């Protein structure tokens, strides 16, 4: 399992980074990105600390831990600036909190995130065909979510990705230990979203590609 959207105590998760990564490693994870919720108030606090601990944990255990951020509820006009700032601070995976059905995310967030070149647009809800086409053209990955609530639009996201060639990943949006999943459960979530076995394999490969690129491979 490769999971590129998780949270620790630096936002609303319940585990310190070391315990989150250790639990993921025992669960069978190859790689995990810690992507706490951030905006202009806290990314300079979160990202450097994650960068330090992820280096240490990756050296200590047989799992790759990547420092990241999930830009969350930021005004669409600020997204491009914050993406650039996050990368400059050391975020190897930049996730955008997309227009999920279950939260009042500002309209225009999906489009602004794609235009800014985030790595992953998380739980993008009722993403439009045009936005999915933009994601395909700009290399932005769309997330199929294993998290309750955010997963409600998985079928829509997967259907539009199939029409436009946008690339999918499967993430947990984990906040606590019980949210971590194995490959078999991830496979079931992807199949339930409407993918076939080839699509499942591609989604897993897409996550591996993000990790390889983030680590300079």
N, C-alpha and C. Protein backbone atom coordinates (compact mmCIF):
# COMPACT_ATOMS: atom_id res chain seq x y z
N UNK A 1 0.84 -1.20 0.00
CA UNK A 1 0.00 0.00 0.00
C UNK A 1 0.87 1.24 0.00
N UNK A 2 0.52 2.18 -0.82
CA UNK A 2 1.12 3.52 -0.82
C UNK A 2 -0.01 4.50 -0.56
N UNK A 3 0.15 5.29 0.46
CA UNK A 3 -0.91 6.20 0.93
C UNK A 3 -0.33 7.61 0.99
N UNK A 4 -0.84 8.49 0.15
CA UNK A 4 -0.25 9.82 0.01
C UNK A 4 -1.12 10.93 0.57
N UNK A 5 -1.99 10.56 1.53
CA UNK A 5 -2.87 11.56 2.15
C UNK A 5 -3.21 11.07 3.55
N UNK A 6 -2.44 11.52 4.55
CA UNK A 6 -2.66 11.13 5.94
C UNK A 6 -2.39 12.34 6.85
N UNK A 7 -2.82 12.20 8.10
CA UNK A 7 -2.71 13.31 9.06
C UNK A 7 -2.17 12.83 10.40
N UNK A 8 -1.36 13.67 11.03
CA UNK A 8 -0.84 13.39 12.36
C UNK A 8 -1.29 14.52 13.31
N UNK A 9 -0.64 14.64 14.45
CA UNK A 9 -1.05 15.64 15.44
C UNK A 9 -0.77 17.07 15.01
N UNK A 10 -0.06 17.25 13.90
CA UNK A 10 0.19 18.61 13.45
C UNK A 10 -1.07 19.27 12.88
N UNK A 11 -2.13 18.49 12.68
CA UNK A 11 -3.43 19.09 12.39
C UNK A 11 -4.48 18.34 13.20
N UNK A 12 -5.31 17.52 12.57
CA UNK A 12 -6.40 16.88 13.31
C UNK A 12 -6.26 15.37 13.41
N UNK A 13 -5.05 14.84 13.17
CA UNK A 13 -4.80 13.43 13.41
C UNK A 13 -4.52 13.18 14.88
N UNK A 14 -4.52 11.91 15.28
CA UNK A 14 -4.35 11.57 16.69
C UNK A 14 -2.98 11.02 17.02
N UNK A 15 -2.14 10.73 16.03
CA UNK A 15 -0.85 10.11 16.26
C UNK A 15 0.30 11.07 15.97
N UNK A 16 1.39 10.94 16.72
CA UNK A 16 2.61 11.64 16.35
C UNK A 16 3.16 10.99 15.07
N UNK A 17 4.01 11.69 14.33
CA UNK A 17 4.48 11.12 13.07
C UNK A 17 5.13 9.74 13.20
N UNK A 18 5.94 9.54 14.23
CA UNK A 18 6.64 8.26 14.36
C UNK A 18 5.65 7.11 14.51
N UNK A 19 4.60 7.30 15.31
CA UNK A 19 3.65 6.22 15.49
C UNK A 19 2.82 5.99 14.23
N UNK A 20 2.46 7.06 13.54
CA UNK A 20 1.71 6.90 12.30
C UNK A 20 2.51 6.09 11.29
N UNK A 21 3.78 6.45 11.12
CA UNK A 21 4.62 5.75 10.14
C UNK A 21 4.87 4.31 10.57
N UNK A 22 5.13 4.10 11.86
CA UNK A 22 5.36 2.73 12.35
C UNK A 22 4.12 1.86 12.14
N UNK A 23 2.95 2.37 12.45
CA UNK A 23 1.72 1.59 12.25
C UNK A 23 1.51 1.29 10.77
N UNK A 24 1.81 2.26 9.92
CA UNK A 24 1.68 2.03 8.48
C UNK A 24 2.66 0.96 8.01
N UNK A 25 3.87 0.99 8.52
CA UNK A 25 4.87 -0.01 8.12
C UNK A 25 4.43 -1.41 8.54
N UNK A 26 3.92 -1.54 9.76
CA UNK A 26 3.44 -2.84 10.23
C UNK A 26 2.23 -3.30 9.41
N UNK A 27 1.43 -2.36 8.92
CA UNK A 27 0.26 -2.68 8.09
C UNK A 27 0.67 -3.18 6.71
N UNK A 28 1.93 -2.98 6.36
CA UNK A 28 2.40 -3.43 5.06
C UNK A 28 2.64 -2.33 4.05
N UNK A 29 2.61 -1.08 4.49
CA UNK A 29 2.82 0.04 3.58
C UNK A 29 4.24 0.06 3.02
N UNK A 30 4.36 0.40 1.75
CA UNK A 30 5.65 0.70 1.14
C UNK A 30 6.05 2.15 1.40
N UNK A 31 5.06 3.04 1.36
CA UNK A 31 5.34 4.46 1.48
C UNK A 31 4.11 5.16 2.04
N UNK A 32 4.36 6.27 2.72
CA UNK A 32 3.29 7.08 3.28
C UNK A 32 3.71 8.55 3.20
N UNK A 33 2.78 9.39 2.84
CA UNK A 33 3.01 10.84 2.92
C UNK A 33 2.16 11.38 4.06
N UNK A 34 2.77 12.19 4.91
CA UNK A 34 2.04 12.86 5.97
C UNK A 34 1.70 14.26 5.47
N UNK A 35 0.41 14.51 5.34
CA UNK A 35 -0.06 15.72 4.64
C UNK A 35 -1.07 16.45 5.52
N UNK A 36 -0.57 17.04 6.60
CA UNK A 36 -1.48 17.71 7.51
C UNK A 36 -2.14 18.93 6.89
N UNK A 37 -3.29 19.28 7.43
CA UNK A 37 -4.04 20.43 6.94
C UNK A 37 -3.24 21.72 7.15
N UNK A 38 -3.13 22.52 6.09
CA UNK A 38 -2.36 23.74 6.21
C UNK A 38 -2.94 24.88 5.42
N UNK A 39 -2.61 26.08 5.88
CA UNK A 39 -2.90 27.32 5.14
C UNK A 39 -1.75 28.27 5.42
N UNK A 40 -1.93 29.54 5.16
CA UNK A 40 -0.83 30.48 5.34
C UNK A 40 -0.41 30.65 6.80
N UNK A 41 -1.25 30.19 7.73
CA UNK A 41 -0.95 30.37 9.15
C UNK A 41 0.04 29.35 9.69
N UNK A 42 0.17 28.18 9.03
CA UNK A 42 0.91 27.11 9.70
C UNK A 42 1.83 26.27 8.82
N UNK A 43 1.86 26.50 7.51
CA UNK A 43 2.68 25.61 6.70
C UNK A 43 4.17 25.74 7.03
N UNK A 44 4.59 26.92 7.49
CA UNK A 44 6.00 27.08 7.86
C UNK A 44 6.34 26.37 9.15
N UNK A 45 5.34 26.00 9.92
CA UNK A 45 5.53 25.19 11.12
C UNK A 45 5.52 23.71 10.77
N UNK A 46 4.53 23.29 9.98
CA UNK A 46 4.31 21.86 9.72
C UNK A 46 5.40 21.25 8.85
N UNK A 47 5.67 21.87 7.71
CA UNK A 47 6.48 21.18 6.69
C UNK A 47 7.92 20.94 7.14
N UNK A 48 8.63 21.93 7.70
CA UNK A 48 10.02 21.64 8.11
C UNK A 48 10.11 20.53 9.16
N UNK A 49 9.15 20.46 10.07
CA UNK A 49 9.17 19.41 11.09
C UNK A 49 8.91 18.04 10.47
N UNK A 50 7.97 17.98 9.54
CA UNK A 50 7.72 16.72 8.85
C UNK A 50 8.93 16.31 8.01
N UNK A 51 9.57 17.26 7.39
CA UNK A 51 10.74 16.93 6.57
C UNK A 51 11.82 16.28 7.43
N UNK A 52 12.04 16.81 8.62
CA UNK A 52 13.06 16.26 9.52
C UNK A 52 12.70 14.85 9.97
N UNK A 53 11.49 14.68 10.49
CA UNK A 53 11.12 13.38 11.05
C UNK A 53 10.96 12.33 9.95
N UNK A 54 10.51 12.72 8.78
CA UNK A 54 10.36 11.75 7.69
C UNK A 54 11.72 11.23 7.23
N UNK A 55 12.73 12.08 7.21
CA UNK A 55 14.08 11.62 6.88
C UNK A 55 14.55 10.58 7.90
N UNK A 56 14.33 10.87 9.17
CA UNK A 56 14.78 9.97 10.24
C UNK A 56 14.05 8.63 10.17
N UNK A 57 12.74 8.67 9.98
CA UNK A 57 11.95 7.44 9.98
C UNK A 57 12.22 6.59 8.75
N UNK A 58 12.43 7.23 7.61
CA UNK A 58 12.76 6.49 6.39
C UNK A 58 14.10 5.77 6.52
N UNK A 59 15.01 6.36 7.27
CA UNK A 59 16.31 5.72 7.49
C UNK A 59 16.23 4.58 8.49
N UNK A 60 15.28 4.67 9.41
CA UNK A 60 15.19 3.69 10.50
C UNK A 60 14.37 2.47 10.16
N UNK A 61 13.35 2.62 9.32
CA UNK A 61 12.40 1.54 9.08
C UNK A 61 12.24 1.28 7.58
N UNK A 62 11.80 0.09 7.20
CA UNK A 62 11.64 -0.25 5.77
C UNK A 62 10.36 0.31 5.18
N UNK A 63 10.23 1.62 5.23
CA UNK A 63 9.09 2.34 4.65
C UNK A 63 9.59 3.71 4.26
N UNK A 64 9.08 4.24 3.17
CA UNK A 64 9.43 5.59 2.77
C UNK A 64 8.38 6.55 3.33
N UNK A 65 8.82 7.49 4.15
CA UNK A 65 7.95 8.51 4.72
C UNK A 65 8.24 9.84 4.04
N UNK A 66 7.21 10.46 3.49
CA UNK A 66 7.38 11.69 2.71
C UNK A 66 6.69 12.85 3.41
N UNK A 67 7.37 13.98 3.54
CA UNK A 67 6.72 15.17 4.10
C UNK A 67 5.82 15.83 3.07
N UNK A 68 4.63 16.19 3.49
CA UNK A 68 3.71 16.85 2.57
C UNK A 68 2.83 17.84 3.27
N UNK A 69 1.77 18.25 2.60
CA UNK A 69 0.80 19.20 3.14
C UNK A 69 -0.51 18.99 2.38
N UNK A 70 -1.60 19.18 3.09
CA UNK A 70 -2.90 19.27 2.42
C UNK A 70 -3.41 20.68 2.61
N UNK A 71 -3.27 21.50 1.60
CA UNK A 71 -3.81 22.86 1.66
C UNK A 71 -5.33 22.76 1.76
N UNK A 72 -5.88 23.44 2.75
CA UNK A 72 -7.27 23.16 3.13
C UNK A 72 -8.06 24.44 3.33
N UNK A 73 -9.20 24.55 2.64
CA UNK A 73 -10.11 25.69 2.78
C UNK A 73 -9.42 27.03 2.56
N UNK A 74 -8.39 27.04 1.74
CA UNK A 74 -7.73 28.30 1.41
C UNK A 74 -8.47 28.97 0.26
N UNK A 75 -8.54 30.29 0.24
CA UNK A 75 -9.21 30.97 -0.87
C UNK A 75 -8.56 30.58 -2.20
N UNK A 76 -9.35 30.30 -3.21
CA UNK A 76 -8.77 29.88 -4.49
C UNK A 76 -7.69 30.82 -5.03
N UNK A 77 -7.85 32.11 -4.79
CA UNK A 77 -6.86 33.07 -5.30
C UNK A 77 -5.49 32.91 -4.64
N UNK A 78 -5.44 32.26 -3.48
CA UNK A 78 -4.18 32.10 -2.75
C UNK A 78 -3.50 30.77 -3.02
N UNK A 79 -4.16 29.87 -3.73
CA UNK A 79 -3.66 28.50 -3.84
C UNK A 79 -2.31 28.43 -4.55
N UNK A 80 -2.15 29.10 -5.67
CA UNK A 80 -0.89 29.02 -6.41
C UNK A 80 0.28 29.48 -5.57
N UNK A 81 0.10 30.57 -4.85
CA UNK A 81 1.17 31.08 -3.98
C UNK A 81 1.52 30.08 -2.89
N UNK A 82 0.51 29.46 -2.29
CA UNK A 82 0.76 28.54 -1.20
C UNK A 82 1.39 27.23 -1.70
N UNK A 83 1.01 26.79 -2.90
CA UNK A 83 1.66 25.61 -3.48
C UNK A 83 3.16 25.86 -3.65
N UNK A 84 3.50 27.01 -4.20
CA UNK A 84 4.91 27.35 -4.39
C UNK A 84 5.64 27.44 -3.06
N UNK A 85 5.00 28.05 -2.07
CA UNK A 85 5.62 28.19 -0.75
C UNK A 85 5.81 26.82 -0.10
N UNK A 86 4.81 25.96 -0.23
CA UNK A 86 4.92 24.62 0.36
C UNK A 86 6.09 23.85 -0.24
N UNK A 87 6.25 23.92 -1.53
CA UNK A 87 7.36 23.21 -2.17
C UNK A 87 8.70 23.80 -1.72
N UNK A 88 8.77 25.12 -1.60
CA UNK A 88 10.01 25.76 -1.16
C UNK A 88 10.37 25.35 0.27
N UNK A 89 9.38 25.08 1.09
CA UNK A 89 9.60 24.69 2.47
C UNK A 89 9.99 23.22 2.60
N UNK A 90 9.84 22.44 1.54
CA UNK A 90 10.27 21.06 1.56
C UNK A 90 9.18 20.02 1.42
N UNK A 91 7.96 20.43 1.10
CA UNK A 91 6.89 19.45 0.88
C UNK A 91 7.17 18.65 -0.38
N UNK A 92 7.24 17.33 -0.25
CA UNK A 92 7.46 16.47 -1.40
C UNK A 92 6.17 16.02 -2.06
N UNK A 93 5.06 16.12 -1.33
CA UNK A 93 3.73 15.81 -1.87
C UNK A 93 2.79 16.93 -1.47
N UNK A 94 2.26 17.64 -2.46
CA UNK A 94 1.32 18.73 -2.18
C UNK A 94 -0.07 18.26 -2.61
N UNK A 95 -0.94 18.16 -1.62
CA UNK A 95 -2.33 17.74 -1.82
C UNK A 95 -3.22 18.96 -1.63
N UNK A 96 -4.29 19.05 -2.41
CA UNK A 96 -5.29 20.09 -2.21
C UNK A 96 -6.58 19.46 -1.73
N UNK A 97 -7.15 20.02 -0.69
CA UNK A 97 -8.45 19.60 -0.16
C UNK A 97 -9.51 20.06 -1.15
N UNK A 98 -9.98 19.10 -1.96
CA UNK A 98 -10.89 19.44 -3.04
C UNK A 98 -12.32 19.69 -2.58
N UNK A 99 -13.19 19.88 -3.56
CA UNK A 99 -14.57 20.30 -3.31
C UNK A 99 -15.45 19.11 -2.93
N UNK A 100 -15.09 18.45 -1.84
CA UNK A 100 -15.84 17.32 -1.31
C UNK A 100 -17.31 17.68 -1.10
N UNK A 101 -18.17 16.67 -1.18
CA UNK A 101 -19.60 16.90 -0.99
C UNK A 101 -19.96 17.25 0.45
N UNK A 102 -19.09 16.93 1.41
CA UNK A 102 -19.48 16.99 2.82
C UNK A 102 -18.88 18.16 3.58
N UNK A 103 -18.22 19.10 2.89
CA UNK A 103 -17.66 20.28 3.55
C UNK A 103 -17.87 21.50 2.65
N UNK A 104 -17.92 22.69 3.25
CA UNK A 104 -18.17 23.90 2.47
C UNK A 104 -16.91 24.48 1.82
N UNK A 105 -16.27 23.67 0.98
CA UNK A 105 -15.08 24.13 0.26
C UNK A 105 -15.49 25.18 -0.76
N UNK A 106 -14.70 26.23 -0.87
CA UNK A 106 -15.04 27.34 -1.77
C UNK A 106 -15.12 26.87 -3.22
N UNK A 107 -16.18 27.24 -3.94
CA UNK A 107 -16.22 26.94 -5.38
C UNK A 107 -15.00 27.54 -6.08
N UNK A 108 -14.49 26.82 -7.04
CA UNK A 108 -13.29 27.26 -7.74
C UNK A 108 -12.01 26.67 -7.19
N UNK A 109 -12.11 25.96 -6.05
CA UNK A 109 -10.92 25.36 -5.45
C UNK A 109 -10.32 24.28 -6.36
N UNK A 110 -11.16 23.40 -6.91
CA UNK A 110 -10.64 22.35 -7.77
C UNK A 110 -9.85 22.94 -8.95
N UNK A 111 -10.45 23.90 -9.62
CA UNK A 111 -9.80 24.50 -10.79
C UNK A 111 -8.49 25.19 -10.41
N UNK A 112 -8.51 25.97 -9.34
CA UNK A 112 -7.32 26.70 -8.93
C UNK A 112 -6.19 25.75 -8.56
N UNK A 113 -6.53 24.64 -7.90
CA UNK A 113 -5.52 23.67 -7.51
C UNK A 113 -4.89 23.00 -8.73
N UNK A 114 -5.72 22.65 -9.71
CA UNK A 114 -5.20 22.04 -10.93
C UNK A 114 -4.31 23.03 -11.66
N UNK A 115 -4.75 24.27 -11.76
CA UNK A 115 -3.94 25.29 -12.45
C UNK A 115 -2.61 25.52 -11.73
N UNK A 116 -2.60 25.37 -10.41
CA UNK A 116 -1.39 25.59 -9.62
C UNK A 116 -0.45 24.39 -9.66
N UNK A 117 -0.93 23.26 -10.19
CA UNK A 117 -0.07 22.10 -10.33
C UNK A 117 0.17 21.31 -9.06
N UNK A 118 -0.86 21.18 -8.22
CA UNK A 118 -0.71 20.30 -7.06
C UNK A 118 -0.44 18.87 -7.54
N UNK A 119 0.08 18.06 -6.65
CA UNK A 119 0.32 16.67 -7.02
C UNK A 119 -0.99 15.88 -7.05
N UNK A 120 -1.81 16.07 -6.01
CA UNK A 120 -3.05 15.31 -5.88
C UNK A 120 -4.18 16.25 -5.51
N UNK A 121 -5.28 16.15 -6.24
CA UNK A 121 -6.51 16.84 -5.86
C UNK A 121 -7.35 15.83 -5.10
N UNK A 122 -7.44 16.03 -3.78
CA UNK A 122 -8.12 15.07 -2.92
C UNK A 122 -9.63 15.23 -3.02
N UNK A 123 -10.31 14.08 -2.91
CA UNK A 123 -11.78 14.04 -2.86
C UNK A 123 -12.43 15.23 -3.56
N UNK A 124 -12.32 15.29 -4.90
CA UNK A 124 -12.76 16.47 -5.65
C UNK A 124 -14.26 16.57 -5.89
N UNK A 125 -15.06 15.71 -5.25
CA UNK A 125 -16.51 15.85 -5.31
C UNK A 125 -17.03 15.80 -6.73
N UNK A 126 -17.92 16.74 -7.04
CA UNK A 126 -18.54 16.78 -8.37
C UNK A 126 -17.66 17.57 -9.34
N UNK A 127 -16.43 17.13 -9.46
CA UNK A 127 -15.50 17.74 -10.40
C UNK A 127 -16.13 17.75 -11.79
N UNK A 128 -15.88 18.81 -12.55
CA UNK A 128 -16.49 18.92 -13.87
C UNK A 128 -15.66 18.19 -14.92
N UNK A 129 -16.28 17.93 -16.04
CA UNK A 129 -15.57 17.31 -17.15
C UNK A 129 -14.38 18.17 -17.57
N UNK A 130 -14.58 19.48 -17.66
CA UNK A 130 -13.49 20.37 -18.06
C UNK A 130 -12.34 20.32 -17.06
N UNK A 131 -12.66 20.30 -15.77
CA UNK A 131 -11.61 20.23 -14.76
C UNK A 131 -10.86 18.90 -14.83
N UNK A 132 -11.59 17.82 -15.09
CA UNK A 132 -10.93 16.52 -15.23
C UNK A 132 -10.01 16.52 -16.45
N UNK A 133 -10.44 17.15 -17.53
CA UNK A 133 -9.58 17.27 -18.72
C UNK A 133 -8.33 18.08 -18.39
N UNK A 134 -8.50 19.16 -17.62
CA UNK A 134 -7.34 19.96 -17.21
C UNK A 134 -6.38 19.15 -16.36
N UNK A 135 -6.92 18.35 -15.44
CA UNK A 135 -6.07 17.52 -14.60
C UNK A 135 -5.26 16.54 -15.44
N UNK A 136 -5.92 15.94 -16.44
CA UNK A 136 -5.21 15.02 -17.32
C UNK A 136 -4.09 15.73 -18.07
N UNK A 137 -4.37 16.91 -18.57
CA UNK A 137 -3.39 17.65 -19.36
C UNK A 137 -2.22 18.14 -18.51
N UNK A 138 -2.48 18.47 -17.25
CA UNK A 138 -1.44 19.06 -16.39
C UNK A 138 -0.77 18.06 -15.45
N UNK A 139 -1.15 16.80 -15.54
CA UNK A 139 -0.51 15.79 -14.72
C UNK A 139 -0.89 15.82 -13.26
N UNK A 140 -2.08 16.34 -12.95
CA UNK A 140 -2.57 16.35 -11.58
C UNK A 140 -3.38 15.08 -11.35
N UNK A 141 -3.06 14.36 -10.30
CA UNK A 141 -3.75 13.10 -10.00
C UNK A 141 -5.02 13.38 -9.20
N UNK A 142 -6.08 12.66 -9.53
CA UNK A 142 -7.34 12.77 -8.82
C UNK A 142 -7.45 11.61 -7.83
N UNK A 143 -7.99 11.92 -6.66
CA UNK A 143 -8.03 10.93 -5.59
C UNK A 143 -9.36 10.20 -5.52
N UNK A 144 -9.27 8.89 -5.43
CA UNK A 144 -10.36 8.05 -4.96
C UNK A 144 -10.13 7.86 -3.46
N UNK A 145 -11.12 8.22 -2.67
CA UNK A 145 -10.92 8.28 -1.21
C UNK A 145 -11.53 7.08 -0.51
N UNK A 146 -10.79 6.55 0.46
CA UNK A 146 -11.32 5.49 1.31
C UNK A 146 -12.00 6.04 2.56
N UNK A 147 -12.09 7.36 2.68
CA UNK A 147 -12.64 7.97 3.89
C UNK A 147 -14.16 8.18 3.77
N UNK A 148 -14.85 7.83 4.83
CA UNK A 148 -16.31 8.01 4.88
C UNK A 148 -16.67 9.45 4.57
N UNK A 149 -17.72 9.67 3.83
CA UNK A 149 -18.14 11.01 3.45
C UNK A 149 -17.45 11.46 2.19
N UNK A 150 -16.14 11.57 2.24
CA UNK A 150 -15.39 11.98 1.05
C UNK A 150 -15.53 10.97 -0.08
N UNK A 151 -15.80 9.73 0.27
CA UNK A 151 -15.90 8.67 -0.73
C UNK A 151 -17.21 8.70 -1.52
N UNK A 152 -18.15 9.55 -1.12
CA UNK A 152 -19.46 9.56 -1.77
C UNK A 152 -19.39 9.84 -3.27
N UNK A 153 -18.41 10.61 -3.69
CA UNK A 153 -18.31 10.98 -5.11
C UNK A 153 -17.28 10.15 -5.86
N UNK A 154 -16.78 9.07 -5.26
CA UNK A 154 -15.75 8.27 -5.93
C UNK A 154 -16.18 7.80 -7.32
N UNK A 155 -17.42 7.35 -7.44
CA UNK A 155 -17.88 6.85 -8.72
C UNK A 155 -17.87 7.93 -9.79
N UNK A 156 -18.29 9.13 -9.43
CA UNK A 156 -18.29 10.25 -10.37
C UNK A 156 -16.87 10.60 -10.79
N UNK A 157 -15.97 10.68 -9.81
CA UNK A 157 -14.58 11.02 -10.11
C UNK A 157 -13.97 9.98 -11.04
N UNK A 158 -14.19 8.71 -10.74
CA UNK A 158 -13.62 7.64 -11.56
C UNK A 158 -14.20 7.65 -12.97
N UNK A 159 -15.50 7.91 -13.08
CA UNK A 159 -16.14 7.93 -14.40
C UNK A 159 -15.56 9.03 -15.27
N UNK A 160 -15.41 10.24 -14.71
CA UNK A 160 -14.85 11.33 -15.51
C UNK A 160 -13.38 11.09 -15.83
N UNK A 161 -12.66 10.49 -14.90
CA UNK A 161 -11.27 10.17 -15.19
C UNK A 161 -11.18 9.19 -16.36
N UNK A 162 -12.10 8.25 -16.41
CA UNK A 162 -12.12 7.31 -17.53
C UNK A 162 -12.41 7.98 -18.86
N UNK A 163 -13.23 9.03 -18.82
CA UNK A 163 -13.58 9.75 -20.05
C UNK A 163 -12.45 10.66 -20.52
N UNK A 164 -11.68 11.20 -19.58
CA UNK A 164 -10.71 12.25 -19.92
C UNK A 164 -9.27 11.79 -19.89
N UNK A 165 -9.01 10.63 -19.31
CA UNK A 165 -7.62 10.19 -19.17
C UNK A 165 -6.93 10.73 -17.95
N UNK A 166 -7.67 11.39 -17.05
CA UNK A 166 -7.06 11.83 -15.80
C UNK A 166 -6.63 10.61 -15.00
N UNK A 167 -5.55 10.75 -14.28
CA UNK A 167 -4.96 9.61 -13.56
C UNK A 167 -5.42 9.62 -12.10
N UNK A 168 -5.68 8.41 -11.59
CA UNK A 168 -6.25 8.25 -10.26
C UNK A 168 -5.25 7.67 -9.28
N UNK A 169 -5.43 8.02 -8.01
CA UNK A 169 -4.74 7.35 -6.91
C UNK A 169 -5.77 7.01 -5.85
N UNK A 170 -5.41 6.08 -4.97
CA UNK A 170 -6.26 5.69 -3.86
C UNK A 170 -5.55 6.07 -2.57
N UNK A 171 -6.21 6.86 -1.71
CA UNK A 171 -5.65 7.30 -0.44
C UNK A 171 -6.68 7.10 0.67
N UNK A 172 -6.20 7.13 1.92
CA UNK A 172 -7.10 6.92 3.05
C UNK A 172 -7.60 8.19 3.69
N UNK A 173 -6.81 9.30 3.61
CA UNK A 173 -7.13 10.49 4.41
C UNK A 173 -7.18 10.09 5.89
N UNK A 174 -6.22 9.24 6.29
CA UNK A 174 -6.21 8.69 7.65
C UNK A 174 -5.99 9.77 8.70
N UNK A 175 -6.79 9.67 9.76
CA UNK A 175 -6.63 10.54 10.93
C UNK A 175 -6.31 9.75 12.19
N UNK A 176 -6.56 8.44 12.17
CA UNK A 176 -6.33 7.59 13.34
C UNK A 176 -5.98 6.19 12.86
N UNK A 177 -5.48 5.33 13.76
CA UNK A 177 -4.96 4.03 13.33
C UNK A 177 -5.94 3.19 12.52
N UNK A 178 -7.20 3.19 12.90
CA UNK A 178 -8.18 2.38 12.20
C UNK A 178 -8.45 2.80 10.77
N UNK A 179 -7.97 3.97 10.38
CA UNK A 179 -8.18 4.44 9.01
C UNK A 179 -7.19 3.83 8.02
N UNK A 180 -6.09 3.29 8.49
CA UNK A 180 -5.09 2.70 7.60
C UNK A 180 -5.65 1.42 6.99
N UNK A 181 -5.34 1.18 5.72
CA UNK A 181 -5.89 0.03 5.02
C UNK A 181 -4.77 -0.74 4.33
N UNK A 182 -5.09 -1.96 3.90
CA UNK A 182 -4.12 -2.74 3.14
C UNK A 182 -4.47 -2.71 1.65
N UNK A 183 -3.64 -3.35 0.85
CA UNK A 183 -3.83 -3.34 -0.60
C UNK A 183 -5.18 -3.94 -1.00
N UNK A 184 -5.59 -4.98 -0.31
CA UNK A 184 -6.83 -5.65 -0.69
C UNK A 184 -8.04 -4.76 -0.46
N UNK A 185 -8.04 -4.04 0.65
CA UNK A 185 -9.17 -3.13 0.88
C UNK A 185 -9.13 -1.97 -0.11
N UNK A 186 -7.92 -1.47 -0.40
CA UNK A 186 -7.80 -0.40 -1.40
C UNK A 186 -8.33 -0.87 -2.74
N UNK A 187 -8.02 -2.11 -3.10
CA UNK A 187 -8.52 -2.68 -4.34
C UNK A 187 -10.04 -2.68 -4.35
N UNK A 188 -10.66 -3.06 -3.25
CA UNK A 188 -12.12 -3.11 -3.19
C UNK A 188 -12.72 -1.72 -3.34
N UNK A 189 -12.10 -0.70 -2.73
CA UNK A 189 -12.61 0.67 -2.87
C UNK A 189 -12.56 1.11 -4.32
N UNK A 190 -11.46 0.80 -5.00
CA UNK A 190 -11.32 1.17 -6.41
C UNK A 190 -12.32 0.42 -7.29
N UNK A 191 -12.51 -0.87 -7.02
CA UNK A 191 -13.51 -1.62 -7.79
C UNK A 191 -14.91 -1.07 -7.55
N UNK A 192 -15.20 -0.69 -6.31
CA UNK A 192 -16.51 -0.13 -5.99
C UNK A 192 -16.74 1.20 -6.68
N UNK A 193 -15.66 1.92 -6.98
CA UNK A 193 -15.76 3.19 -7.69
C UNK A 193 -16.00 3.00 -9.18
N UNK A 194 -15.88 1.75 -9.66
CA UNK A 194 -16.16 1.46 -11.05
C UNK A 194 -14.96 1.08 -11.89
N UNK A 195 -13.77 0.98 -11.28
CA UNK A 195 -12.60 0.58 -12.03
C UNK A 195 -12.60 -0.93 -12.25
N UNK A 196 -11.93 -1.36 -13.32
CA UNK A 196 -11.69 -2.78 -13.50
C UNK A 196 -10.31 -3.11 -12.92
N UNK A 197 -9.90 -4.36 -13.04
CA UNK A 197 -8.63 -4.77 -12.44
C UNK A 197 -7.44 -4.02 -13.06
N UNK A 198 -7.50 -3.74 -14.35
CA UNK A 198 -6.42 -2.96 -14.97
C UNK A 198 -6.38 -1.55 -14.40
N UNK A 199 -7.56 -0.96 -14.16
CA UNK A 199 -7.61 0.37 -13.57
C UNK A 199 -7.07 0.38 -12.16
N UNK A 200 -7.35 -0.68 -11.41
CA UNK A 200 -6.80 -0.80 -10.06
C UNK A 200 -5.28 -0.83 -10.12
N UNK A 201 -4.74 -1.63 -11.01
CA UNK A 201 -3.28 -1.73 -11.14
C UNK A 201 -2.67 -0.39 -11.53
N UNK A 202 -3.35 0.34 -12.41
CA UNK A 202 -2.83 1.65 -12.81
C UNK A 202 -2.86 2.64 -11.64
N UNK A 203 -3.90 2.60 -10.83
CA UNK A 203 -3.98 3.51 -9.69
C UNK A 203 -2.83 3.23 -8.72
N UNK A 204 -2.56 1.95 -8.46
CA UNK A 204 -1.43 1.61 -7.58
C UNK A 204 -0.11 2.09 -8.20
N UNK A 205 0.03 1.91 -9.51
CA UNK A 205 1.26 2.33 -10.18
C UNK A 205 1.40 3.85 -10.16
N UNK A 206 0.29 4.56 -10.25
CA UNK A 206 0.34 6.02 -10.20
C UNK A 206 0.90 6.50 -8.87
N UNK A 207 0.45 5.89 -7.78
CA UNK A 207 0.97 6.26 -6.47
C UNK A 207 2.47 6.01 -6.39
N UNK A 208 2.90 4.87 -6.91
CA UNK A 208 4.33 4.55 -6.89
C UNK A 208 5.12 5.56 -7.72
N UNK A 209 4.54 6.01 -8.82
CA UNK A 209 5.21 7.02 -9.66
C UNK A 209 5.40 8.33 -8.90
N UNK A 210 4.39 8.74 -8.14
CA UNK A 210 4.50 9.98 -7.37
C UNK A 210 5.64 9.86 -6.35
N UNK A 211 5.72 8.72 -5.68
CA UNK A 211 6.78 8.51 -4.69
C UNK A 211 8.14 8.55 -5.35
N UNK A 212 8.28 7.85 -6.46
CA UNK A 212 9.56 7.81 -7.15
C UNK A 212 10.00 9.20 -7.57
N UNK A 213 9.08 9.97 -8.12
CA UNK A 213 9.40 11.34 -8.54
C UNK A 213 9.75 12.21 -7.35
N UNK A 214 8.98 12.08 -6.25
CA UNK A 214 9.24 12.90 -5.07
C UNK A 214 10.62 12.65 -4.47
N UNK A 215 11.07 11.40 -4.57
CA UNK A 215 12.37 11.03 -4.01
C UNK A 215 13.51 11.19 -5.01
N UNK A 216 13.19 11.75 -6.16
CA UNK A 216 14.21 12.04 -7.15
C UNK A 216 14.65 10.87 -7.98
N UNK A 217 13.79 9.84 -8.04
CA UNK A 217 14.10 8.64 -8.81
C UNK A 217 13.68 8.74 -10.26
